Amino acid sequence: MQKIQVLFPDPLMRKLRATAETEDMPVSEVIRRATELWLDRFPAKPGLKVKAVPVVRLGKCKVAPEDLRDKIYE
């Protein structure tokens, strides 16, 4: 499971907390279930391919790791 930070407006946060209390579950579980239901409305399109991130090999780094920050700003 991965962790993210999401900002909610106060009225929505109050609804989330009220729902969580009514259902006797953590707010995070309410958010997970709501997200899952919402995403199910948009089925994956067949043939949709995710492009790979290109990888570039540039050789060895010629600057010591502790000096990288200084070299960036030169």
PDB file of N, CA and C in Angstrom:
ATOM      1  N   MET A   1       0.845  -1.172   0.000  1.00  0.00           N
ATOM      2  CA  MET A   1       0.000   0.000   0.000  1.00  0.00           C
ATOM      3  C   MET A   1       0.892   1.237   0.000  1.00  0.00           C
ATOM      4  N   GLN A   2       0.499   2.236  -0.773  1.00  0.00           N
ATOM      5  CA  GLN A   2       1.280   3.462  -0.851  1.00  0.00           C
ATOM      6  C   GLN A   2       0.575   4.580  -0.105  1.00  0.00           C
ATOM      7  N   LYS A   3       1.363   5.536   0.341  1.00  0.00           N
ATOM      8  CA  LYS A   3       0.847   6.651   1.111  1.00  0.00           C
ATOM      9  C   LYS A   3       0.902   7.917   0.255  1.00  0.00           C
ATOM     10  N   ILE A   4      -0.219   8.700   0.293  1.00  0.00           N
ATOM     11  CA  ILE A   4      -0.239   9.990  -0.384  1.00  0.00           C
ATOM     12  C   ILE A   4      -0.858  11.018   0.555  1.00  0.00           C
ATOM     13  N   GLN A   5      -0.681  12.272   0.209  1.00  0.00           N
ATOM     14  CA  GLN A   5      -1.296  13.343   0.979  1.00  0.00           C
ATOM     15  C   GLN A   5      -2.312  14.029   0.077  1.00  0.00           C
ATOM     16  N   VAL A   6      -3.545  14.178   0.575  1.00  0.00           N
ATOM     17  CA  VAL A   6      -4.615  14.805  -0.178  1.00  0.00           C
ATOM     18  C   VAL A   6      -5.250  15.877   0.693  1.00  0.00           C
ATOM     19  N   LEU A   7      -5.509  17.037   0.111  1.00  0.00           N
ATOM     20  CA  LEU A   7      -6.157  18.122   0.843  1.00  0.00           C
ATOM     21  C   LEU A   7      -7.636  18.152   0.477  1.00  0.00           C
ATOM     22  N   PHE A   8      -8.511  18.188   1.487  1.00  0.00           N
ATOM     23  CA  PHE A   8      -9.943  18.242   1.285  1.00  0.00           C
ATOM     24  C   PHE A   8     -10.483  19.548   1.845  1.00  0.00           C
ATOM     25  N   PRO A   9     -11.479  20.143   1.177  1.00  0.00           N
ATOM     26  CA  PRO A   9     -12.132  21.311   1.754  1.00  0.00           C
ATOM     27  C   PRO A   9     -12.834  20.899   3.063  1.00  0.00           C
ATOM     28  N   ASP A  10     -12.970  21.849   3.978  1.00  0.00           N
ATOM     29  CA  ASP A  10     -13.561  21.541   5.289  1.00  0.00           C
ATOM     30  C   ASP A  10     -14.929  20.862   5.211  1.00  0.00           C
ATOM     31  N   PRO A  11     -15.864  21.327   4.378  1.00  0.00           N
ATOM     32  CA  PRO A  11     -17.172  20.660   4.336  1.00  0.00           C
ATOM     33  C   PRO A  11     -17.071  19.187   3.924  1.00  0.00           C
ATOM     34  N   LEU A  12     -16.216  18.906   2.948  1.00  0.00           N
ATOM     35  CA  LEU A  12     -16.040  17.523   2.506  1.00  0.00           C
ATOM     36  C   LEU A  12     -15.378  16.687   3.593  1.00  0.00           C
ATOM     37  N   MET A  13     -14.423  17.255   4.296  1.00  0.00           N
ATOM     38  CA  MET A  13     -13.750  16.531   5.382  1.00  0.00           C
ATOM     39  C   MET A  13     -14.739  16.200   6.492  1.00  0.00           C
ATOM     40  N   ARG A  14     -15.653  17.137   6.790  1.00  0.00           N
ATOM     41  CA  ARG A  14     -16.680  16.850   7.810  1.00  0.00           C
ATOM     42  C   ARG A  14     -17.558  15.686   7.385  1.00  0.00           C
ATOM     43  N   LYS A  15     -17.935  15.650   6.097  1.00  0.00           N
ATOM     44  CA  LYS A  15     -18.742  14.535   5.591  1.00  0.00           C
ATOM     45  C   LYS A  15     -17.978  13.217   5.689  1.00  0.00           C
ATOM     46  N   LEU A  16     -16.698  13.252   5.329  1.00  0.00           N
ATOM     47  CA  LEU A  16     -15.882  12.036   5.410  1.00  0.00           C
ATOM     48  C   LEU A  16     -15.817  11.514   6.842  1.00  0.00           C
ATOM     49  N   ARG A  17     -15.560  12.429   7.781  1.00  0.00           N
ATOM     50  CA  ARG A  17     -15.456  12.018   9.178  1.00  0.00           C
ATOM     51  C   ARG A  17     -16.790  11.493   9.706  1.00  0.00           C
ATOM     52  N   ALA A  18     -17.884  12.141   9.325  1.00  0.00           N
ATOM     53  CA  ALA A  18     -19.203  11.688   9.770  1.00  0.00           C
ATOM     54  C   ALA A  18     -19.512  10.303   9.211  1.00  0.00           C
ATOM     55  N   THR A  19     -19.206  10.097   7.943  1.00  0.00           N
ATOM     56  CA  THR A  19     -19.427   8.790   7.324  1.00  0.00           C
ATOM     57  C   THR A  19     -18.567   7.728   7.985  1.00  0.00           C
ATOM     58  N   ALA A  20     -17.313   8.051   8.231  1.00  0.00           N
ATOM     59  CA  ALA A  20     -16.409   7.096   8.878  1.00  0.00           C
ATOM     60  C   ALA A  20     -16.920   6.719  10.259  1.00  0.00           C
ATOM     61  N   GLU A  21     -17.409   7.694  11.001  1.00  0.00           N
ATOM     62  CA  GLU A  21     -17.928   7.402  12.341  1.00  0.00           C
ATOM     63  C   GLU A  21     -19.188   6.551  12.261  1.00  0.00           C
ATOM     64  N   THR A  22     -20.088   6.897  11.337  1.00  0.00           N
ATOM     65  CA  THR A  22     -21.326   6.132  11.169  1.00  0.00           C
ATOM     66  C   THR A  22     -21.042   4.690  10.776  1.00  0.00           C
ATOM     67  N   GLU A  23     -20.090   4.509   9.876  1.00  0.00           N
ATOM     68  CA  GLU A  23     -19.752   3.172   9.381  1.00  0.00           C
ATOM     69  C   GLU A  23     -18.732   2.454  10.263  1.00  0.00           C
ATOM     70  N   ASP A  24     -18.239   3.124  11.285  1.00  0.00           N
ATOM     71  CA  ASP A  24     -17.252   2.564  12.209  1.00  0.00           C
ATOM     72  C   ASP A  24     -16.010   2.051  11.465  1.00  0.00           C
ATOM     73  N   MET A  25     -15.426   2.956  10.677  1.00  0.00           N
ATOM     74  CA  MET A  25     -14.197   2.631   9.949  1.00  0.00           C
ATOM     75  C   MET A  25     -13.343   3.888   9.859  1.00  0.00           C
ATOM     76  N   PRO A  26     -12.067   3.741   9.599  1.00  0.00           N
ATOM     77  CA  PRO A  26     -11.198   4.913   9.467  1.00  0.00           C
ATOM     78  C   PRO A  26     -11.553   5.731   8.221  1.00  0.00           C
ATOM     79  N   VAL A  27     -11.258   7.012   8.277  1.00  0.00           N
ATOM     80  CA  VAL A  27     -11.494   7.896   7.132  1.00  0.00           C
ATOM     81  C   VAL A  27     -10.752   7.367   5.908  1.00  0.00           C
ATOM     82  N   SER A  28      -9.555   6.850   6.100  1.00  0.00           N
ATOM     83  CA  SER A  28      -8.771   6.335   4.971  1.00  0.00           C
ATOM     84  C   SER A  28      -9.516   5.212   4.248  1.00  0.00           C
ATOM     85  N   GLU A  29     -10.231   4.376   4.982  1.00  0.00           N
ATOM     86  CA  GLU A  29     -10.989   3.283   4.369  1.00  0.00           C
ATOM     87  C   GLU A  29     -12.173   3.836   3.581  1.00  0.00           C
ATOM     88  N   VAL A  30     -12.838   4.846   4.105  1.00  0.00           N
ATOM     89  CA  VAL A  30     -13.942   5.492   3.380  1.00  0.00           C
ATOM     90  C   VAL A  30     -13.424   6.049   2.059  1.00  0.00           C
ATOM     91  N   ILE A  31     -12.271   6.701   2.096  1.00  0.00           N
ATOM     92  CA  ILE A  31     -11.687   7.290   0.887  1.00  0.00           C
ATOM     93  C   ILE A  31     -11.310   6.202  -0.115  1.00  0.00           C
ATOM     94  N   ARG A  32     -10.707   5.103   0.376  1.00  0.00           N
ATOM     95  CA  ARG A  32     -10.337   4.002  -0.526  1.00  0.00           C
ATOM     96  C   ARG A  32     -11.570   3.431  -1.215  1.00  0.00           C
ATOM     97  N   ARG A  33     -12.626   3.184  -0.437  1.00  0.00           N
ATOM     98  CA  ARG A  33     -13.844   2.596  -1.013  1.00  0.00           C
ATOM     99  C   ARG A  33     -14.514   3.555  -1.994  1.00  0.00           C
ATOM    100  N   ALA A  34     -14.577   4.827  -1.644  1.00  0.00           N
ATOM    101  CA  ALA A  34     -15.188   5.810  -2.536  1.00  0.00           C
ATOM    102  C   ALA A  34     -14.395   5.923  -3.836  1.00  0.00           C
ATOM    103  N   THR A  35     -13.090   5.917  -3.725  1.00  0.00           N
ATOM    104  CA  THR A  35     -12.232   6.006  -4.905  1.00  0.00           C
ATOM    105  C   THR A  35     -12.421   4.789  -5.796  1.00  0.00           C
ATOM    106  N   GLU A  36     -12.479   3.626  -5.187  1.00  0.00           N
ATOM    107  CA  GLU A  36     -12.663   2.398  -5.954  1.00  0.00           C
ATOM    108  C   GLU A  36     -13.992   2.412  -6.702  1.00  0.00           C
ATOM    109  N   LEU A  37     -15.068   2.840  -6.024  1.00  0.00           N
ATOM    110  CA  LEU A  37     -16.378   2.926  -6.679  1.00  0.00           C
ATOM    111  C   LEU A  37     -16.350   3.917  -7.840  1.00  0.00           C
ATOM    112  N   TRP A  38     -15.712   5.062  -7.636  1.00  0.00           N
ATOM    113  CA  TRP A  38     -15.648   6.078  -8.672  1.00  0.00           C
ATOM    114  C   TRP A  38     -14.848   5.586  -9.871  1.00  0.00           C
ATOM    115  N   LEU A  39     -13.718   4.940  -9.610  1.00  0.00           N
ATOM    116  CA  LEU A  39     -12.873   4.449 -10.705  1.00  0.00           C
ATOM    117  C   LEU A  39     -13.542   3.323 -11.483  1.00  0.00           C
ATOM    118  N   ASP A  40     -14.401   2.545 -10.833  1.00  0.00           N
ATOM    119  CA  ASP A  40     -15.119   1.466 -11.522  1.00  0.00           C
ATOM    120  C   ASP A  40     -16.077   2.009 -12.579  1.00  0.00           C
ATOM    121  N   ARG A  41     -16.418   3.283 -12.487  1.00  0.00           N
ATOM    122  CA  ARG A  41     -17.299   3.898 -13.482  1.00  0.00           C
ATOM    123  C   ARG A  41     -16.577   4.094 -14.810  1.00  0.00           C
ATOM    124  N   PHE A  42     -15.269   4.042 -14.796  1.00  0.00           N
ATOM    125  CA  PHE A  42     -14.465   4.274 -15.986  1.00  0.00           C
ATOM    126  C   PHE A  42     -13.623   3.033 -16.280  1.00  0.00           C
ATOM    127  N   PRO A  43     -14.213   2.051 -16.956  1.00  0.00           N
ATOM    128  CA  PRO A  43     -13.457   0.819 -17.228  1.00  0.00           C
ATOM    129  C   PRO A  43     -12.252   1.099 -18.117  1.00  0.00           C
ATOM    130  N   ALA A  44     -11.244   0.279 -17.954  1.00  0.00           N
ATOM    131  CA  ALA A  44     -10.018   0.425 -18.749  1.00  0.00           C
ATOM    132  C   ALA A  44     -10.344   0.222 -20.223  1.00  0.00           C
ATOM    133  N   LYS A  45      -9.747   1.038 -21.058  1.00  0.00           N
ATOM    134  CA  LYS A  45      -9.976   0.924 -22.497  1.00  0.00           C
ATOM    135  C   LYS A  45      -9.079  -0.167 -23.063  1.00  0.00           C
ATOM    136  N   PRO A  46      -9.656  -1.076 -23.872  1.00  0.00           N
ATOM    137  CA  PRO A  46      -8.817  -2.131 -24.457  1.00  0.00           C
ATOM    138  C   PRO A  46      -7.806  -1.530 -25.423  1.00  0.00           C
ATOM    139  N   GLY A  47      -6.618  -2.085 -25.384  1.00  0.00           N
ATOM    140  CA  GLY A  47      -5.570  -1.626 -26.285  1.00  0.00           C
ATOM    141  C   GLY A  47      -4.824  -0.408 -25.785  1.00  0.00           C
ATOM    142  N   LEU A  48      -5.209   0.117 -24.642  1.00  0.00           N
ATOM    143  CA  LEU A  48      -4.516   1.271 -24.089  1.00  0.00           C
ATOM    144  C   LEU A  48      -3.194   0.804 -23.495  1.00  0.00           C
ATOM    145  N   LYS A  49      -2.112   1.327 -24.011  1.00  0.00           N
ATOM    146  CA  LYS A  49      -0.793   0.919 -23.547  1.00  0.00           C
ATOM    147  C   LYS A  49      -0.117   2.075 -22.826  1.00  0.00           C
ATOM    148  N   VAL A  50       0.530   1.758 -21.755  1.00  0.00           N
ATOM    149  CA  VAL A  50       1.285   2.758 -21.012  1.00  0.00           C
ATOM    150  C   VAL A  50       2.678   2.819 -21.603  1.00  0.00           C
ATOM    151  N   LYS A  51       3.108   4.026 -21.955  1.00  0.00           N
ATOM    152  CA  LYS A  51       4.434   4.173 -22.546  1.00  0.00           C
ATOM    153  C   LYS A  51       5.501   4.080 -21.468  1.00  0.00           C
ATOM    154  N   ALA A  52       6.576   3.429 -21.812  1.00  0.00           N
ATOM    155  CA  ALA A  52       7.695   3.301 -20.886  1.00  0.00           C
ATOM    156  C   ALA A  52       8.466   4.618 -20.821  1.00  0.00           C
ATOM    157  N   VAL A  53       9.001   4.902 -19.682  1.00  0.00           N
ATOM    158  CA  VAL A  53       9.825   6.090 -19.510  1.00  0.00           C
ATOM    159  C   VAL A  53      11.176   5.821 -20.164  1.00  0.00           C
ATOM    160  N   PRO A  54      11.631   6.724 -21.031  1.00  0.00           N
ATOM    161  CA  PRO A  54      12.907   6.484 -21.704  1.00  0.00           C
ATOM    162  C   PRO A  54      14.074   6.537 -20.713  1.00  0.00           C
ATOM    163  N   VAL A  55      15.034   5.684 -20.944  1.00  0.00           N
ATOM    164  CA  VAL A  55      16.226   5.633 -20.099  1.00  0.00           C
ATOM    165  C   VAL A  55      17.411   6.090 -20.938  1.00  0.00           C
ATOM    166  N   VAL A  56      18.183   7.004 -20.392  1.00  0.00           N
ATOM    167  CA  VAL A  56      19.342   7.529 -21.104  1.00  0.00           C
ATOM    168  C   VAL A  56      20.593   7.172 -20.316  1.00  0.00           C
ATOM    169  N   ARG A  57      21.533   6.567 -20.964  1.00  0.00           N
ATOM    170  CA  ARG A  57      22.798   6.224 -20.322  1.00  0.00           C
ATOM    171  C   ARG A  57      23.833   7.256 -20.745  1.00  0.00           C
ATOM    172  N   LEU A  58      24.345   8.016 -19.802  1.00  0.00           N
ATOM    173  CA  LEU A  58      25.282   9.093 -20.110  1.00  0.00           C
ATOM    174  C   LEU A  58      26.689   8.826 -19.590  1.00  0.00           C
ATOM    175  N   GLY A  59      26.925   7.638 -19.124  1.00  0.00           N
ATOM    176  CA  GLY A  59      28.245   7.313 -18.610  1.00  0.00           C
ATOM    177  C   GLY A  59      28.367   7.606 -17.128  1.00  0.00           C
ATOM    178  N   LYS A  60      29.592   7.530 -16.647  1.00  0.00           N
ATOM    179  CA  LYS A  60      29.835   7.748 -15.225  1.00  0.00           C
ATOM    180  C   LYS A  60      29.781   9.234 -14.882  1.00  0.00           C
ATOM    181  N   CYS A  61      29.369   9.513 -13.669  1.00  0.00           N
ATOM    182  CA  CYS A  61      29.326  10.891 -13.175  1.00  0.00           C
ATOM    183  C   CYS A  61      30.756  11.325 -12.844  1.00  0.00           C
ATOM    184  N   LYS A  62      31.143  12.497 -13.313  1.00  0.00           N
ATOM    185  CA  LYS A  62      32.502  12.971 -13.098  1.00  0.00           C
ATOM    186  C   LYS A  62      32.610  13.900 -11.891  1.00  0.00           C
ATOM    187  N   VAL A  63      31.522  14.032 -11.144  1.00  0.00           N
ATOM    188  CA  VAL A  63      31.510  14.899  -9.970  1.00  0.00           C
ATOM    189  C   VAL A  63      31.193  14.041  -8.753  1.00  0.00           C
ATOM    190  N   ALA A  64      31.912  14.271  -7.670  1.00  0.00           N
ATOM    191  CA  ALA A  64      31.657  13.517  -6.440  1.00  0.00           C
ATOM    192  C   ALA A  64      30.261  13.849  -5.927  1.00  0.00           C
ATOM    193  N   PRO A  65      29.543  12.874  -5.359  1.00  0.00           N
ATOM    194  CA  PRO A  65      28.181  13.101  -4.885  1.00  0.00           C
ATOM    195  C   PRO A  65      28.058  14.297  -3.939  1.00  0.00           C
ATOM    196  N   GLU A  66      29.038  14.490  -3.071  1.00  0.00           N
ATOM    197  CA  GLU A  66      28.951  15.592  -2.108  1.00  0.00           C
ATOM    198  C   GLU A  66      29.123  16.964  -2.779  1.00  0.00           C
ATOM    199  N   ASP A  67      29.636  16.996  -4.024  1.00  0.00           N
ATOM    200  CA  ASP A  67      29.837  18.258  -4.733  1.00  0.00           C
ATOM    201  C   ASP A  67      28.746  18.553  -5.769  1.00  0.00           C
ATOM    202  N   LEU A  68      27.779  17.650  -5.935  1.00  0.00           N
ATOM    203  CA  LEU A  68      26.766  17.808  -6.975  1.00  0.00           C
ATOM    204  C   LEU A  68      25.956  19.092  -6.815  1.00  0.00           C
ATOM    205  N   ARG A  69      25.506  19.382  -5.604  1.00  0.00           N
ATOM    206  CA  ARG A  69      24.673  20.570  -5.373  1.00  0.00           C
ATOM    207  C   ARG A  69      25.407  21.832  -5.824  1.00  0.00           C
ATOM    208  N   ASP A  70      26.680  21.958  -5.469  1.00  0.00           N
ATOM    209  CA  ASP A  70      27.459  23.148  -5.847  1.00  0.00           C
ATOM    210  C   ASP A  70      27.620  23.229  -7.370  1.00  0.00           C
ATOM    211  N   LYS A  71      27.864  22.105  -8.014  1.00  0.00           N
ATOM    212  CA  LYS A  71      28.086  22.085  -9.469  1.00  0.00           C
ATOM    213  C   LYS A  71      26.823  22.454 -10.241  1.00  0.00           C
ATOM    214  N   ILE A  72      25.677  22.104  -9.694  1.00  0.00           N
ATOM    215  CA  ILE A  72      24.403  22.411 -10.373  1.00  0.00           C
ATOM    216  C   ILE A  72      24.225  23.913 -10.523  1.00  0.00           C
ATOM    217  N   TYR A  73      24.623  24.650  -9.493  1.00  0.00           N
ATOM    218  CA  TYR A  73      24.403  26.099  -9.488  1.00  0.00           C
ATOM    219  C   TYR A  73      25.544  26.905 -10.104  1.00  0.00           C
ATOM    220  N   GLU A  74      26.532  26.235 -10.627  1.00  0.00           N
ATOM    221  CA  GLU A  74      27.637  26.952 -11.268  1.00  0.00           C
ATOM    222  C   GLU A  74      27.276  27.353 -12.678  1.00  0.00           C
TER     223      GLU A  74
END
